C-alpha cells in the first residue's frame, strides 16, 4: 500500500518554482526521478528533493491540470514547518518570482521591497518612459 500523497497546487511554471525552492534552501534535481517514502517505496517525480530524514519531496507535472503537484509521504514529513506552511511559503515565493519576472519583462524596476512582520511582501516598481 502506497503512503504517498499528492497535493494540488497552483504552481504552473517550472522556472519560478525552481527559483522559489532554491530561495527556500532546497535544491531539486530536475528530470524524472524516484523519490523515497515509507519502507523504501518510491514514486516518480519531475523535480526531486532528497531529504536525509523522513520522506523525499517531489513535484510532478499534471498535464491535464497544467500544474505541478507536490508528491511526498505526509506521514514521514520531517521539514521544520508543517506541509501547509511549507506550501504557503513556497506559493508566496513562487508568486513573487513570477511578478518580478513579468515586471522586468515589461521594463519595470524594483524600487522598494519590504518584508512585512505579518509575512506579506510589499513591492514598489517603477518604469521610466
Protein backbone atom coordinates (compact mmCIF):
# COMPACT_ATOMS: atom_id res chain seq x y z
CA UNK A 1 0.00 0.00 0.00
CA UNK A 2 1.40 3.35 -1.03
CA UNK A 3 1.71 6.10 1.55
CA UNK A 4 2.41 8.84 -0.94
CA UNK A 5 0.13 11.84 -1.03
CA UNK A 6 -0.45 14.14 -3.98
CA UNK A 7 -1.21 17.73 -3.02
CA UNK A 8 -2.76 20.04 -5.60
CA UNK A 9 -1.08 23.40 -6.15
CA UNK A 10 -1.38 26.39 -8.46
CA UNK A 11 2.28 26.22 -9.49
CA UNK A 12 2.26 26.29 -13.30
CA UNK A 13 5.73 27.38 -14.40
CA UNK A 14 8.90 25.42 -13.79
CA UNK A 15 11.46 28.25 -13.58
CA UNK A 16 9.71 30.29 -10.84
CA UNK A 17 9.10 27.03 -8.94
CA UNK A 18 12.79 26.09 -9.13
CA UNK A 19 13.81 29.60 -8.07
CA UNK A 20 11.37 29.57 -5.13
CA UNK A 21 12.64 26.20 -3.92
CA UNK A 22 16.26 27.36 -4.15
CA UNK A 23 15.44 30.55 -2.23
CA UNK A 24 13.95 28.35 0.48
CA UNK A 25 17.25 26.44 0.71
CA UNK A 26 16.05 23.39 -1.22
CA UNK A 27 17.88 22.22 -4.33
CA UNK A 28 15.77 19.97 -6.52
CA UNK A 29 17.14 17.60 -9.11
CA UNK A 30 15.40 18.01 -12.45
CA UNK A 31 14.19 15.26 -14.74
CA UNK A 32 12.24 12.13 -13.96
CA UNK A 33 13.50 10.86 -10.61
CA UNK A 34 12.33 8.45 -7.95
CA UNK A 35 11.50 9.88 -4.55
CA UNK A 36 11.56 7.73 -1.43
CA UNK A 37 8.83 7.21 1.11
CA UNK A 38 7.61 4.67 3.64
CA UNK A 39 9.72 1.48 3.83
CA UNK A 40 11.71 2.36 0.74
CA UNK A 41 8.70 2.74 -1.53
CA UNK A 42 9.30 5.04 -4.48
CA UNK A 43 7.26 7.11 -6.88
CA UNK A 44 8.26 9.14 -9.94
CA UNK A 45 8.52 12.92 -9.85
CA UNK A 46 9.77 15.55 -12.30
CA UNK A 47 11.59 17.52 -9.59
CA UNK A 48 13.05 15.68 -6.60
CA UNK A 49 14.44 16.97 -3.33
CA UNK A 50 16.32 14.35 -1.33
CA UNK A 51 15.68 14.56 2.40
CA UNK A 52 18.01 12.92 4.94
CA UNK A 53 15.32 12.06 7.49
CA UNK A 54 11.75 11.39 6.50
CA UNK A 55 10.28 11.33 3.04
CA UNK A 56 11.74 12.95 -0.06
CA UNK A 57 9.83 15.85 -1.60
CA UNK A 58 8.82 15.76 -5.24
CA UNK A 59 6.86 17.77 -7.74
CA UNK A 60 5.14 16.07 -10.64
CA UNK A 61 3.70 17.76 -13.72
CA UNK A 62 -0.02 17.08 -14.13
CA UNK A 63 -0.66 17.66 -17.83
CA UNK A 64 -4.46 17.62 -17.53
CA UNK A 65 -4.49 20.34 -14.84
CA UNK A 66 -1.33 22.03 -16.15
CA UNK A 67 0.16 22.37 -12.67
CA UNK A 68 2.96 20.88 -10.62
CA UNK A 69 1.65 18.74 -7.76
CA UNK A 70 3.52 18.10 -4.53
CA UNK A 71 4.25 14.39 -4.06
CA UNK A 72 5.51 13.12 -0.71
CA UNK A 73 4.73 10.75 2.12
CA UNK A 74 2.95 13.10 4.53
CA UNK A 75 3.22 10.57 7.37
CA UNK A 76 7.02 10.95 7.18
CA UNK A 77 7.07 14.74 6.64
CA UNK A 78 10.10 15.99 8.58
CA UNK A 79 10.50 19.59 7.45
CA UNK A 80 10.81 22.32 10.11
CA UNK A 81 7.29 23.55 9.26
CA UNK A 82 4.03 21.70 8.58
CA UNK A 83 3.28 20.92 4.92
CA UNK A 84 0.57 23.61 4.80
CA UNK A 85 3.05 26.30 5.89
CA UNK A 86 5.68 24.94 3.51
CA UNK A 87 3.25 25.21 0.58
CA UNK A 88 2.12 28.66 1.68
CA UNK A 89 5.71 29.94 1.80
CA UNK A 90 6.56 28.22 -1.49
CA UNK A 91 3.50 29.68 -3.21
CA UNK A 92 4.33 33.16 -1.91
CA UNK A 93 7.92 32.93 -3.15
CA UNK A 94 6.70 31.50 -6.48
CA UNK A 95 4.25 34.40 -6.89
CA UNK A 96 6.97 36.93 -6.05
CA UNK A 97 9.31 35.39 -8.65
CA UNK A 98 6.52 35.39 -11.24
CA UNK A 99 5.68 39.05 -10.56
CA UNK A 100 9.35 40.11 -10.62
CA UNK A 101 9.90 38.30 -13.91
CA UNK A 102 6.79 39.80 -15.53
CA UNK A 103 7.56 43.34 -14.34
CA UNK A 104 11.15 43.04 -15.57
CA UNK A 105 9.94 41.90 -19.00
CA UNK A 106 7.71 44.99 -19.13
CA UNK A 107 10.62 47.29 -18.32
CA UNK A 108 9.86 47.92 -14.64
CA UNK A 109 12.49 48.03 -11.92
CA UNK A 110 12.01 47.20 -8.27
CA UNK A 111 12.28 50.45 -6.36
CA UNK A 112 11.41 49.01 -2.96
CA UNK A 113 10.80 45.57 -1.47
CA UNK A 114 9.59 45.26 2.11
CA UNK A 115 9.11 42.01 4.02
CA UNK A 116 6.37 42.89 6.49
CA UNK A 117 6.08 41.46 10.00
CA UNK A 118 2.87 39.63 9.05
CA UNK A 119 4.78 37.70 6.36
CA UNK A 120 3.46 39.68 3.42
CA UNK A 121 5.77 41.26 0.86
CA UNK A 122 5.27 44.77 -0.42
CA UNK A 123 6.75 45.81 -3.77
CA UNK A 124 7.07 49.19 -5.40
CA UNK A 125 8.07 49.05 -9.06
CA UNK A 126 8.71 51.93 -11.44
CA UNK A 127 9.27 52.41 -15.13
CA UNK A 128 10.57 55.45 -16.94
CA UNK A 129 9.28 56.07 -20.43
